[in-house]
Amino acid sequence: MAIRIKARGGESAEQIMRRFKKLCEKEGLTKEIKRRAYYEKPSERKQRALRKTLKRIQQQQAMKMAGRPTGRVTGRANGRVTGGRAGGQSGGRAGGQSGGRRR
């Protein structure tokens, strides 16, 4: 994973450094360096991965509870997306819901 930068004509040292930093960030090198700055035991690594997974699952559940689409289309009927809310409700005040903010 060698990163090489060649100076372009009339390019200053600041511009070269900026391009180099962007490439390092794009390659994930800076994130890797920060991660390896301190030793992390395998058990700690597993716990961190588990916390990350649980957080992602909780966010997905929160989005489902808010009625937001999860990015998945379950089916199409006559050009309309189906599989959203139960009973074909489109949200809003249908079914006796008040117009207040959701929390």
PDB file of N, CA and C in Angstrom:
ATOM      1  N   MET A   1       0.840  -1.171   0.000  1.00  0.00           N
ATOM      2  CA  MET A   1       0.000   0.000   0.000  1.00  0.00           C
ATOM      3  C   MET A   1       0.888   1.238   0.000  1.00  0.00           C
ATOM      4  N   ALA A   2       1.665   1.409  -1.015  1.00  0.00           N
ATOM      5  CA  ALA A   2       2.553   2.556  -1.122  1.00  0.00           C
ATOM      6  C   ALA A   2       1.810   3.726  -1.749  1.00  0.00           C
ATOM      7  N   ILE A   3       1.958   4.884  -1.140  1.00  0.00           N
ATOM      8  CA  ILE A   3       1.326   6.092  -1.661  1.00  0.00           C
ATOM      9  C   ILE A   3       2.432   6.970  -2.209  1.00  0.00           C
ATOM     10  N   ARG A   4       2.335   7.277  -3.475  1.00  0.00           N
ATOM     11  CA  ARG A   4       3.351   8.108  -4.110  1.00  0.00           C
ATOM     12  C   ARG A   4       2.690   9.349  -4.674  1.00  0.00           C
ATOM     13  N   ILE A   5       3.335  10.477  -4.472  1.00  0.00           N
ATOM     14  CA  ILE A   5       2.844  11.758  -4.958  1.00  0.00           C
ATOM     15  C   ILE A   5       3.947  12.390  -5.788  1.00  0.00           C
ATOM     16  N   LYS A   6       3.606  12.782  -7.000  1.00  0.00           N
ATOM     17  CA  LYS A   6       4.554  13.519  -7.831  1.00  0.00           C
ATOM     18  C   LYS A   6       4.097  14.966  -7.907  1.00  0.00           C
ATOM     19  N   ALA A   7       5.053  15.859  -7.794  1.00  0.00           N
ATOM     20  CA  ALA A   7       4.744  17.284  -7.850  1.00  0.00           C
ATOM     21  C   ALA A   7       4.330  17.662  -9.265  1.00  0.00           C
ATOM     22  N   ARG A   8       3.244  18.386  -9.332  1.00  0.00           N
ATOM     23  CA  ARG A   8       2.787  18.899 -10.628  1.00  0.00           C
ATOM     24  C   ARG A   8       3.457  20.237 -10.884  1.00  0.00           C
ATOM     25  N   GLY A   9       3.442  20.662 -12.118  1.00  0.00           N
ATOM     26  CA  GLY A   9       4.096  21.917 -12.466  1.00  0.00           C
ATOM     27  C   GLY A   9       3.472  23.102 -11.748  1.00  0.00           C
ATOM     28  N   GLY A  10       4.306  23.879 -11.056  1.00  0.00           N
ATOM     29  CA  GLY A  10       3.838  25.084 -10.376  1.00  0.00           C
ATOM     30  C   GLY A  10       3.043  24.803  -9.103  1.00  0.00           C
ATOM     31  N   GLU A  11       3.163  23.602  -8.537  1.00  0.00           N
ATOM     32  CA  GLU A  11       2.407  23.242  -7.336  1.00  0.00           C
ATOM     33  C   GLU A  11       3.255  23.537  -6.096  1.00  0.00           C
ATOM     34  N   SER A  12       2.638  24.184  -5.104  1.00  0.00           N
ATOM     35  CA  SER A  12       3.381  24.526  -3.887  1.00  0.00           C
ATOM     36  C   SER A  12       3.456  23.313  -2.962  1.00  0.00           C
ATOM     37  N   ALA A  13       4.322  23.421  -1.944  1.00  0.00           N
ATOM     38  CA  ALA A  13       4.493  22.330  -0.975  1.00  0.00           C
ATOM     39  C   ALA A  13       3.206  22.094  -0.189  1.00  0.00           C
ATOM     40  N   GLU A  14       2.449  23.166   0.122  1.00  0.00           N
ATOM     41  CA  GLU A  14       1.183  23.018   0.855  1.00  0.00           C
ATOM     42  C   GLU A  14       0.172  22.223   0.032  1.00  0.00           C
ATOM     43  N   GLN A  15       0.124  22.476  -1.264  1.00  0.00           N
ATOM     44  CA  GLN A  15      -0.815  21.749  -2.132  1.00  0.00           C
ATOM     45  C   GLN A  15      -0.442  20.270  -2.233  1.00  0.00           C
ATOM     46  N   ILE A  16       0.853  19.993  -2.288  1.00  0.00           N
ATOM     47  CA  ILE A  16       1.316  18.605  -2.354  1.00  0.00           C
ATOM     48  C   ILE A  16       0.939  17.884  -1.062  1.00  0.00           C
ATOM     49  N   MET A  17       1.182  18.544   0.082  1.00  0.00           N
ATOM     50  CA  MET A  17       0.827  17.943   1.370  1.00  0.00           C
ATOM     51  C   MET A  17      -0.673  17.711   1.477  1.00  0.00           C
ATOM     52  N   ARG A  18      -1.477  18.632   0.985  1.00  0.00           N
ATOM     53  CA  ARG A  18      -2.931  18.488   1.016  1.00  0.00           C
ATOM     54  C   ARG A  18      -3.373  17.268   0.204  1.00  0.00           C
ATOM     55  N   ARG A  19      -2.767  17.114  -0.994  1.00  0.00           N
ATOM     56  CA  ARG A  19      -3.095  15.941  -1.823  1.00  0.00           C
ATOM     57  C   ARG A  19      -2.674  14.647  -1.136  1.00  0.00           C
ATOM     58  N   PHE A  20      -1.483  14.670  -0.500  1.00  0.00           N
ATOM     59  CA  PHE A  20      -0.995  13.490   0.199  1.00  0.00           C
ATOM     60  C   PHE A  20      -1.922  13.104   1.345  1.00  0.00           C
ATOM     61  N   LYS A  21      -2.357  14.076   2.136  1.00  0.00           N
ATOM     62  CA  LYS A  21      -3.258  13.809   3.257  1.00  0.00           C
ATOM     63  C   LYS A  21      -4.591  13.258   2.773  1.00  0.00           C
ATOM     64  N   LYS A  22      -5.094  13.787   1.668  1.00  0.00           N
ATOM     65  CA  LYS A  22      -6.355  13.284   1.110  1.00  0.00           C
ATOM     66  C   LYS A  22      -6.220  11.830   0.684  1.00  0.00           C
ATOM     67  N   LEU A  23      -5.106  11.502   0.036  1.00  0.00           N
ATOM     68  CA  LEU A  23      -4.888  10.121  -0.383  1.00  0.00           C
ATOM     69  C   LEU A  23      -4.777   9.184   0.807  1.00  0.00           C
ATOM     70  N   CYS A  24      -4.076   9.640   1.859  1.00  0.00           N
ATOM     71  CA  CYS A  24      -3.945   8.811   3.068  1.00  0.00           C
ATOM     72  C   CYS A  24      -5.315   8.573   3.695  1.00  0.00           C
ATOM     73  N   GLU A  25      -6.132   9.588   3.745  1.00  0.00           N
ATOM     74  CA  GLU A  25      -7.475   9.462   4.305  1.00  0.00           C
ATOM     75  C   GLU A  25      -8.329   8.529   3.457  1.00  0.00           C
ATOM     76  N   LYS A  26      -8.210   8.658   2.157  1.00  0.00           N
ATOM     77  CA  LYS A  26      -8.989   7.827   1.236  1.00  0.00           C
ATOM     78  C   LYS A  26      -8.608   6.350   1.357  1.00  0.00           C
ATOM     79  N   GLU A  27      -7.333   6.080   1.557  1.00  0.00           N
ATOM     80  CA  GLU A  27      -6.849   4.712   1.700  1.00  0.00           C
ATOM     81  C   GLU A  27      -7.145   4.131   3.083  1.00  0.00           C
ATOM     82  N   GLY A  28      -7.562   4.981   4.027  1.00  0.00           N
ATOM     83  CA  GLY A  28      -7.839   4.508   5.375  1.00  0.00           C
ATOM     84  C   GLY A  28      -6.593   4.404   6.227  1.00  0.00           C
ATOM     85  N   LEU A  29      -5.527   5.017   5.785  1.00  0.00           N
ATOM     86  CA  LEU A  29      -4.254   4.916   6.488  1.00  0.00           C
ATOM     87  C   LEU A  29      -4.292   5.648   7.827  1.00  0.00           C
ATOM     88  N   THR A  30      -4.874   6.840   7.864  1.00  0.00           N
ATOM     89  CA  THR A  30      -4.911   7.594   9.116  1.00  0.00           C
ATOM     90  C   THR A  30      -5.758   6.881  10.167  1.00  0.00           C
ATOM     91  N   LYS A  31      -6.869   6.284   9.742  1.00  0.00           N
ATOM     92  CA  LYS A  31      -7.714   5.545  10.681  1.00  0.00           C
ATOM     93  C   LYS A  31      -6.975   4.332  11.226  1.00  0.00           C
ATOM     94  N   GLU A  32      -6.223   3.674  10.369  1.00  0.00           N
ATOM     95  CA  GLU A  32      -5.452   2.495  10.784  1.00  0.00           C
ATOM     96  C   GLU A  32      -4.352   2.878  11.779  1.00  0.00           C
ATOM     97  N   ILE A  33      -3.701   4.002  11.547  1.00  0.00           N
ATOM     98  CA  ILE A  33      -2.640   4.462  12.454  1.00  0.00           C
ATOM     99  C   ILE A  33      -3.220   4.779  13.826  1.00  0.00           C
ATOM    100  N   LYS A  34      -4.362   5.458  13.855  1.00  0.00           N
ATOM    101  CA  LYS A  34      -5.000   5.774  15.134  1.00  0.00           C
ATOM    102  C   LYS A  34      -5.423   4.501  15.855  1.00  0.00           C
ATOM    103  N   ARG A  35      -5.905   3.521  15.108  1.00  0.00           N
ATOM    104  CA  ARG A  35      -6.353   2.270  15.709  1.00  0.00           C
ATOM    105  C   ARG A  35      -5.179   1.499  16.304  1.00  0.00           C
ATOM    106  N   ARG A  36      -4.028   1.567  15.663  1.00  0.00           N
ATOM    107  CA  ARG A  36      -2.849   0.821  16.120  1.00  0.00           C
ATOM    108  C   ARG A  36      -1.978   1.598  17.100  1.00  0.00           C
ATOM    109  N   ALA A  37      -2.388   2.787  17.475  1.00  0.00           N
ATOM    110  CA  ALA A  37      -1.584   3.595  18.389  1.00  0.00           C
ATOM    111  C   ALA A  37      -1.429   2.903  19.738  1.00  0.00           C
ATOM    112  N   TYR A  38      -2.471   2.189  20.167  1.00  0.00           N
ATOM    113  CA  TYR A  38      -2.432   1.458  21.429  1.00  0.00           C
ATOM    114  C   TYR A  38      -2.853   0.023  21.178  1.00  0.00           C
ATOM    115  N   TYR A  39      -2.291  -0.887  21.936  1.00  0.00           N
ATOM    116  CA  TYR A  39      -2.632  -2.298  21.787  1.00  0.00           C
ATOM    117  C   TYR A  39      -4.038  -2.528  22.315  1.00  0.00           C
ATOM    118  N   GLU A  40      -4.793  -3.306  21.569  1.00  0.00           N
ATOM    119  CA  GLU A  40      -6.156  -3.657  21.964  1.00  0.00           C
ATOM    120  C   GLU A  40      -6.247  -5.172  22.038  1.00  0.00           C
ATOM    121  N   LYS A  41      -6.628  -5.657  23.202  1.00  0.00           N
ATOM    122  CA  LYS A  41      -6.726  -7.100  23.382  1.00  0.00           C
ATOM    123  C   LYS A  41      -7.823  -7.647  22.477  1.00  0.00           C
ATOM    124  N   PRO A  42      -7.709  -8.908  22.044  1.00  0.00           N
ATOM    125  CA  PRO A  42      -8.740  -9.498  21.189  1.00  0.00           C
ATOM    126  C   PRO A  42     -10.133  -9.464  21.819  1.00  0.00           C
ATOM    127  N   SER A  43     -10.211  -9.651  23.148  1.00  0.00           N
ATOM    128  CA  SER A  43     -11.521  -9.609  23.803  1.00  0.00           C
ATOM    129  C   SER A  43     -12.120  -8.206  23.726  1.00  0.00           C
ATOM    130  N   GLU A  44     -11.279  -7.162  23.856  1.00  0.00           N
ATOM    131  CA  GLU A  44     -11.760  -5.787  23.734  1.00  0.00           C
ATOM    132  C   GLU A  44     -12.218  -5.501  22.308  1.00  0.00           C
ATOM    133  N   ARG A  45     -11.498  -6.053  21.345  1.00  0.00           N
ATOM    134  CA  ARG A  45     -11.868  -5.869  19.941  1.00  0.00           C
ATOM    135  C   ARG A  45     -13.239  -6.481  19.669  1.00  0.00           C
ATOM    136  N   LYS A  46     -13.484  -7.676  20.226  1.00  0.00           N
ATOM    137  CA  LYS A  46     -14.776  -8.338  20.051  1.00  0.00           C
ATOM    138  C   LYS A  46     -15.893  -7.546  20.715  1.00  0.00           C
ATOM    139  N   GLN A  47     -15.615  -7.011  21.917  1.00  0.00           N
ATOM    140  CA  GLN A  47     -16.622  -6.213  22.612  1.00  0.00           C
ATOM    141  C   GLN A  47     -16.963  -4.952  21.826  1.00  0.00           C
ATOM    142  N   ARG A  48     -15.947  -4.318  21.246  1.00  0.00           N
ATOM    143  CA  ARG A  48     -16.183  -3.110  20.455  1.00  0.00           C
ATOM    144  C   ARG A  48     -17.023  -3.428  19.227  1.00  0.00           C
ATOM    145  N   ALA A  49     -16.716  -4.543  18.570  1.00  0.00           N
ATOM    146  CA  ALA A  49     -17.483  -4.956  17.393  1.00  0.00           C
ATOM    147  C   ALA A  49     -18.931  -5.268  17.777  1.00  0.00           C
ATOM    148  N   LEU A  50     -19.132  -5.903  18.937  1.00  0.00           N
ATOM    149  CA  LEU A  50     -20.482  -6.221  19.400  1.00  0.00           C
ATOM    150  C   LEU A  50     -21.264  -4.947  19.697  1.00  0.00           C
ATOM    151  N   ARG A  51     -20.627  -3.984  20.355  1.00  0.00           N
ATOM    152  CA  ARG A  51     -21.297  -2.708  20.635  1.00  0.00           C
ATOM    153  C   ARG A  51     -21.690  -1.996  19.342  1.00  0.00           C
ATOM    154  N   LYS A  52     -20.807  -2.037  18.350  1.00  0.00           N
ATOM    155  CA  LYS A  52     -21.083  -1.395  17.068  1.00  0.00           C
ATOM    156  C   LYS A  52     -22.281  -2.063  16.389  1.00  0.00           C
ATOM    157  N   THR A  53     -22.339  -3.391  16.444  1.00  0.00           N
ATOM    158  CA  THR A  53     -23.445  -4.130  15.846  1.00  0.00           C
ATOM    159  C   THR A  53     -24.750  -3.812  16.553  1.00  0.00           C
ATOM    160  N   LEU A  54     -24.722  -3.804  17.889  1.00  0.00           N
ATOM    161  CA  LEU A  54     -25.936  -3.500  18.648  1.00  0.00           C
ATOM    162  C   LEU A  54     -26.436  -2.089  18.371  1.00  0.00           C
ATOM    163  N   LYS A  55     -25.531  -1.148  18.252  1.00  0.00           N
ATOM    164  CA  LYS A  55     -25.906   0.232  17.961  1.00  0.00           C
ATOM    165  C   LYS A  55     -26.577   0.327  16.589  1.00  0.00           C
ATOM    166  N   ARG A  56     -26.028  -0.383  15.606  1.00  0.00           N
ATOM    167  CA  ARG A  56     -26.609  -0.368  14.268  1.00  0.00           C
ATOM    168  C   ARG A  56     -28.018  -0.969  14.287  1.00  0.00           C
ATOM    169  N   ILE A  57     -28.201  -2.074  15.022  1.00  0.00           N
ATOM    170  CA  ILE A  57     -29.516  -2.716  15.106  1.00  0.00           C
ATOM    171  C   ILE A  57     -30.518  -1.794  15.785  1.00  0.00           C
ATOM    172  N   GLN A  58     -30.103  -1.108  16.860  1.00  0.00           N
ATOM    173  CA  GLN A  58     -30.995  -0.188  17.555  1.00  0.00           C
ATOM    174  C   GLN A  58     -31.400   0.971  16.654  1.00  0.00           C
ATOM    175  N   GLN A  59     -30.486   1.470  15.852  1.00  0.00           N
ATOM    176  CA  GLN A  59     -30.809   2.553  14.936  1.00  0.00           C
ATOM    177  C   GLN A  59     -31.805   2.096  13.889  1.00  0.00           C
ATOM    178  N   GLN A  60     -31.649   0.875  13.381  1.00  0.00           N
ATOM    179  CA  GLN A  60     -32.591   0.348  12.400  1.00  0.00           C
ATOM    180  C   GLN A  60     -33.975   0.189  13.009  1.00  0.00           C
ATOM    181  N   GLN A  61     -34.039  -0.302  14.259  1.00  0.00           N
ATOM    182  CA  GLN A  61     -35.323  -0.461  14.922  1.00  0.00           C
ATOM    183  C   GLN A  61     -35.975   0.889  15.174  1.00  0.00           C
ATOM    184  N   ALA A  62     -35.197   1.894  15.546  1.00  0.00           N
ATOM    185  CA  ALA A  62     -35.729   3.228  15.785  1.00  0.00           C
ATOM    186  C   ALA A  62     -36.301   3.804  14.496  1.00  0.00           C
ATOM    187  N   MET A  63     -35.644   3.539  13.377  1.00  0.00           N
ATOM    188  CA  MET A  63     -36.147   4.036  12.095  1.00  0.00           C
ATOM    189  C   MET A  63     -37.450   3.337  11.731  1.00  0.00           C
ATOM    190  N   LYS A  64     -37.564   2.049  12.042  1.00  0.00           N
ATOM    191  CA  LYS A  64     -38.803   1.323  11.764  1.00  0.00           C
ATOM    192  C   LYS A  64     -39.938   1.867  12.613  1.00  0.00           C
ATOM    193  N   MET A  65     -39.652   2.168  13.882  1.00  0.00           N
ATOM    194  CA  MET A  65     -40.677   2.686  14.783  1.00  0.00           C
ATOM    195  C   MET A  65     -41.146   4.069  14.343  1.00  0.00           C
ATOM    196  N   ALA A  66     -40.266   4.848  13.744  1.00  0.00           N
ATOM    197  CA  ALA A  66     -40.621   6.188  13.281  1.00  0.00           C
ATOM    198  C   ALA A  66     -41.345   6.135  11.945  1.00  0.00           C
ATOM    199  N   GLY A  67     -41.427   4.970  11.345  1.00  0.00           N
ATOM    200  CA  GLY A  67     -42.127   4.831  10.074  1.00  0.00           C
ATOM    201  C   GLY A  67     -41.310   5.207   8.871  1.00  0.00           C
ATOM    202  N   ARG A  68     -40.023   5.350   9.063  1.00  0.00           N
ATOM    203  CA  ARG A  68     -39.159   5.688   7.938  1.00  0.00           C
ATOM    204  C   ARG A  68     -38.806   4.423   7.182  1.00  0.00           C
ATOM    205  N   PRO A  69     -38.616   4.545   5.886  1.00  0.00           N
ATOM    206  CA  PRO A  69     -38.217   3.358   5.124  1.00  0.00           C
ATOM    207  C   PRO A  69     -36.815   2.925   5.507  1.00  0.00           C
ATOM    208  N   THR A  70     -36.593   1.634   5.493  1.00  0.00           N
ATOM    209  CA  THR A  70     -35.289   1.100   5.879  1.00  0.00           C
ATOM    210  C   THR A  70     -34.374   0.920   4.683  1.00  0.00           C
ATOM    211  N   GLY A  71     -34.780   1.403   3.518  1.00  0.00           N
ATOM    212  CA  GLY A  71     -33.939   1.283   2.346  1.00  0.00           C
ATOM    213  C   GLY A  71     -34.227   0.042   1.545  1.00  0.00           C
ATOM    214  N   ARG A  72     -35.261  -0.702   1.927  1.00  0.00           N
ATOM    215  CA  ARG A  72     -35.585  -1.940   1.246  1.00  0.00           C
ATOM    216  C   ARG A  72     -37.011  -1.850   0.718  1.00  0.00           C
ATOM    217  N   VAL A  73     -37.197  -2.169  -0.557  1.00  0.00           N
ATOM    218  CA  VAL A  73     -38.526  -2.196  -1.155  1.00  0.00           C
ATOM    219  C   VAL A  73     -38.996  -3.637  -1.141  1.00  0.00           C
ATOM    220  N   THR A  74     -40.158  -3.897  -0.497  1.00  0.00           N
ATOM    221  CA  THR A  74     -40.608  -5.274  -0.353  1.00  0.00           C
ATOM    222  C   THR A  74     -41.429  -5.748  -1.543  1.00  0.00           C
ATOM    223  N   GLY A  75     -41.995  -4.840  -2.281  1.00  0.00           N
ATOM    224  CA  GLY A  75     -42.775  -5.268  -3.434  1.00  0.00           C
ATOM    225  C   GLY A  75     -43.384  -4.082  -4.148  1.00  0.00           C
ATOM    226  N   ARG A  76     -43.919  -4.319  -5.333  1.00  0.00           N
ATOM    227  CA  ARG A  76     -44.568  -3.241  -6.093  1.00  0.00           C
ATOM    228  C   ARG A  76     -45.889  -3.755  -6.624  1.00  0.00           C
ATOM    229  N   ALA A  77     -46.900  -2.908  -6.521  1.00  0.00           N
ATOM    230  CA  ALA A  77     -48.207  -3.243  -7.059  1.00  0.00           C
ATOM    231  C   ALA A  77     -48.758  -2.012  -7.766  1.00  0.00           C
ATOM    232  N   ASN A  78     -48.979  -2.098  -9.062  1.00  0.00           N
ATOM    233  CA  ASN A  78     -49.486  -0.995  -9.869  1.00  0.00           C
ATOM    234  C   ASN A  78     -48.617   0.257  -9.752  1.00  0.00           C
ATOM    235  N   GLY A  79     -47.326   0.052  -9.681  1.00  0.00           N
ATOM    236  CA  GLY A  79     -46.419   1.185  -9.618  1.00  0.00           C
ATOM    237  C   GLY A  79     -46.247   1.769  -8.229  1.00  0.00           C
ATOM    238  N   ARG A  80     -47.005   1.270  -7.244  1.00  0.00           N
ATOM    239  CA  ARG A  80     -46.889   1.789  -5.883  1.00  0.00           C
ATOM    240  C   ARG A  80     -46.014   0.856  -5.056  1.00  0.00           C
ATOM    241  N   VAL A  81     -45.293   1.421  -4.127  1.00  0.00           N
ATOM    242  CA  VAL A  81     -44.461   0.620  -3.242  1.00  0.00           C
ATOM    243  C   VAL A  81     -45.354   0.046  -2.157  1.00  0.00           C
ATOM    244  N   THR A  82     -45.256  -1.247  -1.913  1.00  0.00           N
ATOM    245  CA  THR A  82     -46.049  -1.881  -0.869  1.00  0.00           C
ATOM    246  C   THR A  82     -45.130  -2.391   0.224  1.00  0.00           C
ATOM    247  N   GLY A  83     -45.720  -2.782   1.316  1.00  0.00           N
ATOM    248  CA  GLY A  83     -44.933  -3.359   2.394  1.00  0.00           C
ATOM    249  C   GLY A  83     -44.496  -2.350   3.419  1.00  0.00           C
ATOM    250  N   GLY A  84     -45.051  -1.145   3.392  1.00  0.00           N
ATOM    251  CA  GLY A  84     -44.704  -0.129   4.373  1.00  0.00           C
ATOM    252  C   GLY A  84     -45.488  -0.314   5.653  1.00  0.00           C
ATOM    253  N   ARG A  85     -46.409   0.583   5.925  1.00  0.00           N
ATOM    254  CA  ARG A  85     -47.235   0.498   7.129  1.00  0.00           C
ATOM    255  C   ARG A  85     -48.367  -0.492   6.939  1.00  0.00           C
ATOM    256  N   ALA A  86     -48.836  -1.033   8.042  1.00  0.00           N
ATOM    257  CA  ALA A  86     -49.927  -2.003   7.979  1.00  0.00           C
ATOM    258  C   ALA A  86     -51.217  -1.311   7.553  1.00  0.00           C
ATOM    259  N   GLY A  87     -52.035  -1.979   6.779  1.00  0.00           N
ATOM    260  CA  GLY A  87     -53.323  -1.437   6.375  1.00  0.00           C
ATOM    261  C   GLY A  87     -53.246  -0.405   5.280  1.00  0.00           C
ATOM    262  N   GLY A  88     -52.088  -0.193   4.712  1.00  0.00           N
ATOM    263  CA  GLY A  88     -51.957   0.757   3.610  1.00  0.00           C
ATOM    264  C   GLY A  88     -51.979   2.200   4.045  1.00  0.00           C
ATOM    265  N   GLN A  89     -51.817   2.475   5.324  1.00  0.00           N
ATOM    266  CA  GLN A  89     -51.804   3.850   5.785  1.00  0.00           C
ATOM    267  C   GLN A  89     -50.511   4.513   5.344  1.00  0.00           C
ATOM    268  N   SER A  90     -50.634   5.765   4.962  1.00  0.00           N
ATOM    269  CA  SER A  90     -49.444   6.469   4.504  1.00  0.00           C
ATOM    270  C   SER A  90     -48.859   7.345   5.589  1.00  0.00           C
ATOM    271  N   GLY A  91     -49.354   7.257   6.790  1.00  0.00           N
ATOM    272  CA  GLY A  91     -48.835   8.080   7.882  1.00  0.00           C
ATOM    273  C   GLY A  91     -49.740   9.271   8.090  1.00  0.00           C
ATOM    274  N   GLY A  92     -49.268  10.241   8.817  1.00  0.00           N
ATOM    275  CA  GLY A  92     -50.073  11.419   9.054  1.00  0.00           C
ATOM    276  C   GLY A  92     -51.103  11.176  10.137  1.00  0.00           C
ATOM    277  N   ARG A  93     -52.354  11.594   9.872  1.00  0.00           N
ATOM    278  CA  ARG A  93     -53.392  11.522  10.893  1.00  0.00           C
ATOM    279  C   ARG A  93     -54.344  10.364  10.704  1.00  0.00           C
ATOM    280  N   ALA A  94     -54.025   9.435   9.865  1.00  0.00           N
ATOM    281  CA  ALA A  94     -54.902   8.293   9.632  1.00  0.00           C
ATOM    282  C   ALA A  94     -54.961   7.416  10.874  1.00  0.00           C
ATOM    283  N   GLY A  95     -56.106   6.838  11.143  1.00  0.00           N
ATOM    284  CA  GLY A  95     -56.231   5.921  12.265  1.00  0.00           C
ATOM    285  C   GLY A  95     -56.311   6.597  13.612  1.00  0.00           C
ATOM    286  N   GLY A  96     -56.764   7.880  13.634  1.00  0.00           N
ATOM    287  CA  GLY A  96     -56.954   8.556  14.901  1.00  0.00           C
ATOM    288  C   GLY A  96     -55.691   9.124  15.512  1.00  0.00           C
ATOM    289  N   GLN A  97     -54.656   9.258  14.730  1.00  0.00           N
ATOM    290  CA  GLN A  97     -53.419   9.811  15.259  1.00  0.00           C
ATOM    291  C   GLN A  97     -53.541  11.331  15.338  1.00  0.00           C
ATOM    292  N   SER A  98     -52.969  11.907  16.389  1.00  0.00           N
ATOM    293  CA  SER A  98     -52.994  13.361  16.498  1.00  0.00           C
ATOM    294  C   SER A  98     -51.894  13.950  15.626  1.00  0.00           C
ATOM    295  N   GLY A  99     -51.955  15.235  15.435  1.00  0.00           N
ATOM    296  CA  GLY A  99     -50.990  15.907  14.567  1.00  0.00           C
ATOM    297  C   GLY A  99     -49.727  16.346  15.277  1.00  0.00           C
ATOM    298  N   GLY A 100     -49.499  15.895  16.514  1.00  0.00           N
ATOM    299  CA  GLY A 100     -48.310  16.318  17.257  1.00  0.00           C
ATOM    300  C   GLY A 100     -47.040  15.672  16.744  1.00  0.00           C
ATOM    301  N   ARG A 101     -45.920  16.152  17.298  1.00  0.00           N
ATOM    302  CA  ARG A 101     -44.639  15.591  16.901  1.00  0.00           C
ATOM    303  C   ARG A 101     -44.460  14.205  17.466  1.00  0.00           C
ATOM    304  N   ARG A 102     -43.772  13.373  16.714  1.00  0.00           N
ATOM    305  CA  ARG A 102     -43.448  12.025  17.201  1.00  0.00           C
ATOM    306  C   ARG A 102     -42.176  12.080  17.999  1.00  0.00           C
ATOM    307  N   ARG A 103     -42.104  11.262  19.009  1.00  0.00           N
ATOM    308  CA  ARG A 103     -40.872  11.210  19.812  1.00  0.00           C
ATOM    309  C   ARG A 103     -40.378   9.821  19.876  1.00  0.00           C
TER     310      ARG A 103
END
